[in-house]
Amino acid sequence: MSTERWIRLIAGIFIIVSVGLSYFQSRYWLLFTLFVGLNLFQSALTRWCLMEDILRRFGVGGQGQLRAPSDPARARP
């Protein structure tokens, strides 16, 4: 799965969970929904996304494929 699709999936999950929490717990959880929306807006304008950096650190490559630590393509000659 591509990095962009991971970001969309995570953002969608965050929004669904925060809307659910705002319904059952406190309406202040909608501030988290606003935060996610503002981050999506900011990343569209600046082409920088913190979640993309986090996913890269966890091994989601530029092509979006998860790389195993023993991947021969990552081995140094």
PDB file of N, CA and C in Angstrom:
ATOM      1  N   MET A   1       0.854  -1.163   0.000  1.00  0.00           N
ATOM      2  CA  MET A   1       0.000   0.000   0.000  1.00  0.00           C
ATOM      3  C   MET A   1       0.910   1.239   0.000  1.00  0.00           C
ATOM      4  N   SER A   2       0.530   2.240  -0.730  1.00  0.00           N
ATOM      5  CA  SER A   2       1.344   3.448  -0.838  1.00  0.00           C
ATOM      6  C   SER A   2       1.258   4.283   0.443  1.00  0.00           C
ATOM      7  N   THR A   3       2.254   5.132   0.622  1.00  0.00           N
ATOM      8  CA  THR A   3       2.288   6.006   1.796  1.00  0.00           C
ATOM      9  C   THR A   3       1.060   6.898   1.832  1.00  0.00           C
ATOM     10  N   GLU A   4       0.665   7.405   0.682  1.00  0.00           N
ATOM     11  CA  GLU A   4      -0.516   8.280   0.614  1.00  0.00           C
ATOM     12  C   GLU A   4      -1.768   7.539   1.083  1.00  0.00           C
ATOM     13  N   ARG A   5      -1.900   6.295   0.690  1.00  0.00           N
ATOM     14  CA  ARG A   5      -3.070   5.521   1.114  1.00  0.00           C
ATOM     15  C   ARG A   5      -3.033   5.232   2.603  1.00  0.00           C
ATOM     16  N   TRP A   6      -1.838   4.969   3.158  1.00  0.00           N
ATOM     17  CA  TRP A   6      -1.707   4.779   4.604  1.00  0.00           C
ATOM     18  C   TRP A   6      -2.153   6.027   5.344  1.00  0.00           C
ATOM     19  N   ILE A   7      -1.716   7.199   4.839  1.00  0.00           N
ATOM     20  CA  ILE A   7      -2.073   8.459   5.488  1.00  0.00           C
ATOM     21  C   ILE A   7      -3.578   8.672   5.452  1.00  0.00           C
ATOM     22  N   ARG A   8      -4.200   8.400   4.324  1.00  0.00           N
ATOM     23  CA  ARG A   8      -5.661   8.531   4.225  1.00  0.00           C
ATOM     24  C   ARG A   8      -6.370   7.577   5.169  1.00  0.00           C
ATOM     25  N   LEU A   9      -5.870   6.344   5.266  1.00  0.00           N
ATOM     26  CA  LEU A   9      -6.471   5.355   6.156  1.00  0.00           C
ATOM     27  C   LEU A   9      -6.370   5.797   7.611  1.00  0.00           C
ATOM     28  N   ILE A  10      -5.188   6.234   8.018  1.00  0.00           N
ATOM     29  CA  ILE A  10      -4.979   6.665   9.405  1.00  0.00           C
ATOM     30  C   ILE A  10      -5.821   7.898   9.723  1.00  0.00           C
ATOM     31  N   ALA A  11      -5.850   8.865   8.810  1.00  0.00           N
ATOM     32  CA  ALA A  11      -6.663  10.069   9.034  1.00  0.00           C
ATOM     33  C   ALA A  11      -8.145   9.700   9.156  1.00  0.00           C
ATOM     34  N   GLY A  12      -8.606   8.796   8.310  1.00  0.00           N
ATOM     35  CA  GLY A  12     -10.002   8.362   8.387  1.00  0.00           C
ATOM     36  C   GLY A  12     -10.324   7.687   9.701  1.00  0.00           C
ATOM     37  N   ILE A  13      -9.417   6.825  10.165  1.00  0.00           N
ATOM     38  CA  ILE A  13      -9.623   6.152  11.452  1.00  0.00           C
ATOM     39  C   ILE A  13      -9.647   7.173  12.584  1.00  0.00           C
ATOM     40  N   PHE A  14      -8.704   8.134  12.565  1.00  0.00           N
ATOM     41  CA  PHE A  14      -8.689   9.169  13.599  1.00  0.00           C
ATOM     42  C   PHE A  14     -10.003   9.943  13.627  1.00  0.00           C
ATOM     43  N   ILE A  15     -10.523  10.289  12.468  1.00  0.00           N
ATOM     44  CA  ILE A  15     -11.762  11.068  12.405  1.00  0.00           C
ATOM     45  C   ILE A  15     -12.949  10.252  12.909  1.00  0.00           C
ATOM     46  N   ILE A  16     -13.046   8.995  12.483  1.00  0.00           N
ATOM     47  CA  ILE A  16     -14.159   8.146  12.925  1.00  0.00           C
ATOM     48  C   ILE A  16     -14.123   7.951  14.439  1.00  0.00           C
ATOM     49  N   VAL A  17     -12.929   7.677  14.964  1.00  0.00           N
ATOM     50  CA  VAL A  17     -12.801   7.458  16.412  1.00  0.00           C
ATOM     51  C   VAL A  17     -13.123   8.737  17.186  1.00  0.00           C
ATOM     52  N   SER A  18     -12.634   9.876  16.717  1.00  0.00           N
ATOM     53  CA  SER A  18     -12.883  11.120  17.454  1.00  0.00           C
ATOM     54  C   SER A  18     -14.349  11.535  17.392  1.00  0.00           C
ATOM     55  N   VAL A  19     -15.019  11.284  16.271  1.00  0.00           N
ATOM     56  CA  VAL A  19     -16.451  11.591  16.195  1.00  0.00           C
ATOM     57  C   VAL A  19     -17.229  10.667  17.135  1.00  0.00           C
ATOM     58  N   GLY A  20     -16.843   9.396  17.169  1.00  0.00           N
ATOM     59  CA  GLY A  20     -17.493   8.460  18.092  1.00  0.00           C
ATOM     60  C   GLY A  20     -17.285   8.859  19.546  1.00  0.00           C
ATOM     61  N   LEU A  21     -16.051   9.242  19.875  1.00  0.00           N
ATOM     62  CA  LEU A  21     -15.768   9.672  21.241  1.00  0.00           C
ATOM     63  C   LEU A  21     -16.510  10.958  21.591  1.00  0.00           C
ATOM     64  N   SER A  22     -16.667  11.844  20.618  1.00  0.00           N
ATOM     65  CA  SER A  22     -17.400  13.078  20.903  1.00  0.00           C
ATOM     66  C   SER A  22     -18.882  12.799  21.147  1.00  0.00           C
ATOM     67  N   TYR A  23     -19.398  11.773  20.523  1.00  0.00           N
ATOM     68  CA  TYR A  23     -20.810  11.416  20.714  1.00  0.00           C
ATOM     69  C   TYR A  23     -21.024  10.759  22.077  1.00  0.00           C
ATOM     70  N   PHE A  24     -20.116   9.843  22.454  1.00  0.00           N
ATOM     71  CA  PHE A  24     -20.299   9.070  23.677  1.00  0.00           C
ATOM     72  C   PHE A  24     -19.634   9.673  24.914  1.00  0.00           C
ATOM     73  N   GLN A  25     -18.585  10.479  24.747  1.00  0.00           N
ATOM     74  CA  GLN A  25     -17.840  10.988  25.893  1.00  0.00           C
ATOM     75  C   GLN A  25     -18.010  12.499  26.071  1.00  0.00           C
ATOM     76  N   SER A  26     -17.343  13.247  25.189  1.00  0.00           N
ATOM     77  CA  SER A  26     -17.345  14.700  25.326  1.00  0.00           C
ATOM     78  C   SER A  26     -17.228  15.334  23.948  1.00  0.00           C
ATOM     79  N   ARG A  27     -17.913  16.416  23.742  1.00  0.00           N
ATOM     80  CA  ARG A  27     -17.860  17.079  22.444  1.00  0.00           C
ATOM     81  C   ARG A  27     -16.489  17.697  22.169  1.00  0.00           C
ATOM     82  N   TYR A  28     -15.660  17.792  23.191  1.00  0.00           N
ATOM     83  CA  TYR A  28     -14.314  18.339  22.999  1.00  0.00           C
ATOM     84  C   TYR A  28     -13.429  17.437  22.141  1.00  0.00           C
ATOM     85  N   TRP A  29     -13.828  16.179  21.948  1.00  0.00           N
ATOM     86  CA  TRP A  29     -13.096  15.299  21.034  1.00  0.00           C
ATOM     87  C   TRP A  29     -13.176  15.804  19.602  1.00  0.00           C
ATOM     88  N   LEU A  30     -14.151  16.663  19.303  1.00  0.00           N
ATOM     89  CA  LEU A  30     -14.234  17.238  17.956  1.00  0.00           C
ATOM     90  C   LEU A  30     -13.036  18.145  17.669  1.00  0.00           C
ATOM     91  N   LEU A  31     -12.360  18.620  18.704  1.00  0.00           N
ATOM     92  CA  LEU A  31     -11.136  19.394  18.499  1.00  0.00           C
ATOM     93  C   LEU A  31     -10.053  18.525  17.859  1.00  0.00           C
ATOM     94  N   PHE A  32     -10.037  17.240  18.202  1.00  0.00           N
ATOM     95  CA  PHE A  32      -9.092  16.320  17.557  1.00  0.00           C
ATOM     96  C   PHE A  32      -9.432  16.157  16.083  1.00  0.00           C
ATOM     97  N   THR A  33     -10.725  16.086  15.764  1.00  0.00           N
ATOM     98  CA  THR A  33     -11.153  16.020  14.364  1.00  0.00           C
ATOM     99  C   THR A  33     -10.700  17.270  13.619  1.00  0.00           C
ATOM    100  N   LEU A  34     -10.848  18.419  14.243  1.00  0.00           N
ATOM    101  CA  LEU A  34     -10.383  19.669  13.658  1.00  0.00           C
ATOM    102  C   LEU A  34      -8.870  19.647  13.440  1.00  0.00           C
ATOM    103  N   PHE A  35      -8.120  19.123  14.397  1.00  0.00           N
ATOM    104  CA  PHE A  35      -6.674  19.007  14.292  1.00  0.00           C
ATOM    105  C   PHE A  35      -6.273  18.153  13.093  1.00  0.00           C
ATOM    106  N   VAL A  36      -6.944  17.021  12.907  1.00  0.00           N
ATOM    107  CA  VAL A  36      -6.645  16.147  11.766  1.00  0.00           C
ATOM    108  C   VAL A  36      -6.941  16.875  10.459  1.00  0.00           C
ATOM    109  N   GLY A  37      -8.075  17.554  10.390  1.00  0.00           N
ATOM    110  CA  GLY A  37      -8.429  18.301   9.188  1.00  0.00           C
ATOM    111  C   GLY A  37      -7.441  19.410   8.878  1.00  0.00           C
ATOM    112  N   LEU A  38      -7.008  20.124   9.897  1.00  0.00           N
ATOM    113  CA  LEU A  38      -6.021  21.187   9.684  1.00  0.00           C
ATOM    114  C   LEU A  38      -4.686  20.625   9.216  1.00  0.00           C
ATOM    115  N   ASN A  39      -4.298  19.466   9.740  1.00  0.00           N
ATOM    116  CA  ASN A  39      -3.063  18.833   9.285  1.00  0.00           C
ATOM    117  C   ASN A  39      -3.156  18.403   7.829  1.00  0.00           C
ATOM    118  N   LEU A  40      -4.301  17.882   7.421  1.00  0.00           N
ATOM    119  CA  LEU A  40      -4.492  17.501   6.017  1.00  0.00           C
ATOM    120  C   LEU A  40      -4.427  18.735   5.119  1.00  0.00           C
ATOM    121  N   PHE A  41      -5.047  19.826   5.558  1.00  0.00           N
ATOM    122  CA  PHE A  41      -5.030  21.082   4.807  1.00  0.00           C
ATOM    123  C   PHE A  41      -3.608  21.618   4.681  1.00  0.00           C
ATOM    124  N   GLN A  42      -2.892  21.642   5.803  1.00  0.00           N
ATOM    125  CA  GLN A  42      -1.513  22.140   5.821  1.00  0.00           C
ATOM    126  C   GLN A  42      -0.613  21.298   4.928  1.00  0.00           C
ATOM    127  N   SER A  43      -0.764  19.970   4.970  1.00  0.00           N
ATOM    128  CA  SER A  43       0.100  19.112   4.162  1.00  0.00           C
ATOM    129  C   SER A  43      -0.177  19.268   2.672  1.00  0.00           C
ATOM    130  N   ALA A  44      -1.408  19.595   2.316  1.00  0.00           N
ATOM    131  CA  ALA A  44      -1.718  19.829   0.909  1.00  0.00           C
ATOM    132  C   ALA A  44      -1.049  21.100   0.403  1.00  0.00           C
ATOM    133  N   LEU A  45      -0.920  22.098   1.261  1.00  0.00           N
ATOM    134  CA  LEU A  45      -0.310  23.367   0.848  1.00  0.00           C
ATOM    135  C   LEU A  45       1.212  23.340   0.891  1.00  0.00           C
ATOM    136  N   THR A  46       1.778  22.647   1.880  1.00  0.00           N
ATOM    137  CA  THR A  46       3.229  22.706   2.083  1.00  0.00           C
ATOM    138  C   THR A  46       3.973  21.481   1.578  1.00  0.00           C
ATOM    139  N   ARG A  47       3.248  20.425   1.240  1.00  0.00           N
ATOM    140  CA  ARG A  47       3.836  19.148   0.815  1.00  0.00           C
ATOM    141  C   ARG A  47       4.679  18.506   1.906  1.00  0.00           C
ATOM    142  N   TRP A  48       4.411  18.809   3.168  1.00  0.00           N
ATOM    143  CA  TRP A  48       5.078  18.165   4.304  1.00  0.00           C
ATOM    144  C   TRP A  48       4.024  17.601   5.230  1.00  0.00           C
ATOM    145  N   CYS A  49       4.224  16.360   5.617  1.00  0.00           N
ATOM    146  CA  CYS A  49       3.273  15.694   6.497  1.00  0.00           C
ATOM    147  C   CYS A  49       4.044  14.921   7.560  1.00  0.00           C
ATOM    148  N   LEU A  50       3.776  15.204   8.818  1.00  0.00           N
ATOM    149  CA  LEU A  50       4.446  14.525   9.907  1.00  0.00           C
ATOM    150  C   LEU A  50       4.167  13.027   9.866  1.00  0.00           C
ATOM    151  N   MET A  51       2.942  12.635   9.550  1.00  0.00           N
ATOM    152  CA  MET A  51       2.601  11.218   9.501  1.00  0.00           C
ATOM    153  C   MET A  51       3.423  10.496   8.437  1.00  0.00           C
ATOM    154  N   GLU A  52       3.710  11.159   7.338  1.00  0.00           N
ATOM    155  CA  GLU A  52       4.543  10.566   6.296  1.00  0.00           C
ATOM    156  C   GLU A  52       5.949  10.299   6.832  1.00  0.00           C
ATOM    157  N   ASP A  53       6.496  11.232   7.600  1.00  0.00           N
ATOM    158  CA  ASP A  53       7.813  11.035   8.212  1.00  0.00           C
ATOM    159  C   ASP A  53       7.779   9.867   9.202  1.00  0.00           C
ATOM    160  N   ILE A  54       6.712   9.773   9.980  1.00  0.00           N
ATOM    161  CA  ILE A  54       6.580   8.681  10.949  1.00  0.00           C
ATOM    162  C   ILE A  54       6.482   7.343  10.232  1.00  0.00           C
ATOM    163  N   LEU A  55       5.700   7.281   9.163  1.00  0.00           N
ATOM    164  CA  LEU A  55       5.563   6.034   8.415  1.00  0.00           C
ATOM    165  C   LEU A  55       6.886   5.610   7.800  1.00  0.00           C
ATOM    166  N   ARG A  56       7.662   6.564   7.303  1.00  0.00           N
ATOM    167  CA  ARG A  56       8.981   6.238   6.751  1.00  0.00           C
ATOM    168  C   ARG A  56       9.878   5.617   7.809  1.00  0.00           C
ATOM    169  N   ARG A  57       9.815   6.139   9.026  1.00  0.00           N
ATOM    170  CA  ARG A  57      10.630   5.581  10.115  1.00  0.00           C
ATOM    171  C   ARG A  57      10.216   4.155  10.457  1.00  0.00           C
ATOM    172  N   PHE A  58       8.949   3.817  10.205  1.00  0.00           N
ATOM    173  CA  PHE A  58       8.468   2.463  10.447  1.00  0.00           C
ATOM    174  C   PHE A  58       8.648   1.549   9.252  1.00  0.00           C
ATOM    175  N   GLY A  59       9.261   2.059   8.186  1.00  0.00           N
ATOM    176  CA  GLY A  59       9.607   1.196   7.058  1.00  0.00           C
ATOM    177  C   GLY A  59       8.693   1.254   5.861  1.00  0.00           C
ATOM    178  N   VAL A  60       7.752   2.170   5.844  1.00  0.00           N
ATOM    179  CA  VAL A  60       6.919   2.311   4.654  1.00  0.00           C
ATOM    180  C   VAL A  60       7.718   3.144   3.665  1.00  0.00           C
ATOM    181  N   GLY A  61       8.123   2.529   2.546  1.00  0.00           N
ATOM    182  CA  GLY A  61       9.015   3.184   1.593  1.00  0.00           C
ATOM    183  C   GLY A  61       8.311   4.176   0.700  1.00  0.00           C
ATOM    184  N   GLY A  62       9.066   4.807  -0.171  1.00  0.00           N
ATOM    185  CA  GLY A  62       8.538   5.783  -1.110  1.00  0.00           C
ATOM    186  C   GLY A  62       7.508   5.194  -2.048  1.00  0.00           C
ATOM    187  N   GLN A  63       7.693   3.928  -2.395  1.00  0.00           N
ATOM    188  CA  GLN A  63       6.719   3.255  -3.240  1.00  0.00           C
ATOM    189  C   GLN A  63       5.542   2.733  -2.431  1.00  0.00           C
ATOM    190  N   GLY A  64       5.653   2.829  -1.121  1.00  0.00           N
ATOM    191  CA  GLY A  64       4.552   2.429  -0.262  1.00  0.00           C
ATOM    192  C   GLY A  64       4.621   0.988   0.182  1.00  0.00           C
ATOM    193  N   GLN A  65       5.653   0.258  -0.173  1.00  0.00           N
ATOM    194  CA  GLN A  65       5.766  -1.128   0.226  1.00  0.00           C
ATOM    195  C   GLN A  65       6.491  -1.216   1.562  1.00  0.00           C
ATOM    196  N   LEU A  66       5.996  -2.079   2.422  1.00  0.00           N
ATOM    197  CA  LEU A  66       6.685  -2.304   3.681  1.00  0.00           C
ATOM    198  C   LEU A  66       7.968  -3.064   3.387  1.00  0.00           C
ATOM    199  N   ARG A  67       9.056  -2.609   3.967  1.00  0.00           N
ATOM    200  CA  ARG A  67      10.347  -3.247   3.723  1.00  0.00           C
ATOM    201  C   ARG A  67      10.742  -4.056   4.951  1.00  0.00           C
ATOM    202  N   ALA A  68      11.079  -5.286   4.717  1.00  0.00           N
ATOM    203  CA  ALA A  68      11.583  -6.122   5.796  1.00  0.00           C
ATOM    204  C   ALA A  68      13.037  -5.761   6.065  1.00  0.00           C
ATOM    205  N   PRO A  69      13.505  -5.902   7.303  1.00  0.00           N
ATOM    206  CA  PRO A  69      14.898  -5.578   7.604  1.00  0.00           C
ATOM    207  C   PRO A  69      15.894  -6.409   6.799  1.00  0.00           C
ATOM    208  N   SER A  70      15.496  -7.605   6.374  1.00  0.00           N
ATOM    209  CA  SER A  70      16.394  -8.458   5.612  1.00  0.00           C
ATOM    210  C   SER A  70      16.205  -8.296   4.098  1.00  0.00           C
ATOM    211  N   ASP A  71      15.565  -7.232   3.669  1.00  0.00           N
ATOM    212  CA  ASP A  71      15.315  -6.983   2.251  1.00  0.00           C
ATOM    213  C   ASP A  71      16.646  -6.794   1.521  1.00  0.00           C
ATOM    214  N   PRO A  72      16.957  -7.619   0.510  1.00  0.00           N
ATOM    215  CA  PRO A  72      18.236  -7.487  -0.188  1.00  0.00           C
ATOM    216  C   PRO A  72      18.401  -6.152  -0.897  1.00  0.00           C
ATOM    217  N   ALA A  73      17.328  -5.493  -1.242  1.00  0.00           N
ATOM    218  CA  ALA A  73      17.427  -4.195  -1.915  1.00  0.00           C
ATOM    219  C   ALA A  73      18.011  -3.139  -0.975  1.00  0.00           C
ATOM    220  N   ARG A  74      17.893  -3.362   0.321  1.00  0.00           N
ATOM    221  CA  ARG A  74      18.415  -2.396   1.295  1.00  0.00           C
ATOM    222  C   ARG A  74      19.822  -2.730   1.742  1.00  0.00           C
ATOM    223  N   ALA A  75      20.304  -3.909   1.366  1.00  0.00           N
ATOM    224  CA  ALA A  75      21.639  -4.334   1.782  1.00  0.00           C
ATOM    225  C   ALA A  75      22.695  -3.483   1.109  1.00  0.00           C
ATOM    226  N   ARG A  76      23.759  -3.191   1.854  1.00  0.00           N
ATOM    227  CA  ARG A  76      24.843  -2.380   1.311  1.00  0.00           C
ATOM    228  C   ARG A  76      25.826  -3.280   0.581  1.00  0.00           C
ATOM    229  N   PRO A  77      26.372  -2.805  -0.527  1.00  0.00           N
ATOM    230  CA  PRO A  77      27.340  -3.641  -1.274  1.00  0.00           C
ATOM    231  C   PRO A  77      28.672  -3.738  -0.556  1.00  0.00           C
TER     232      PRO A  77
END
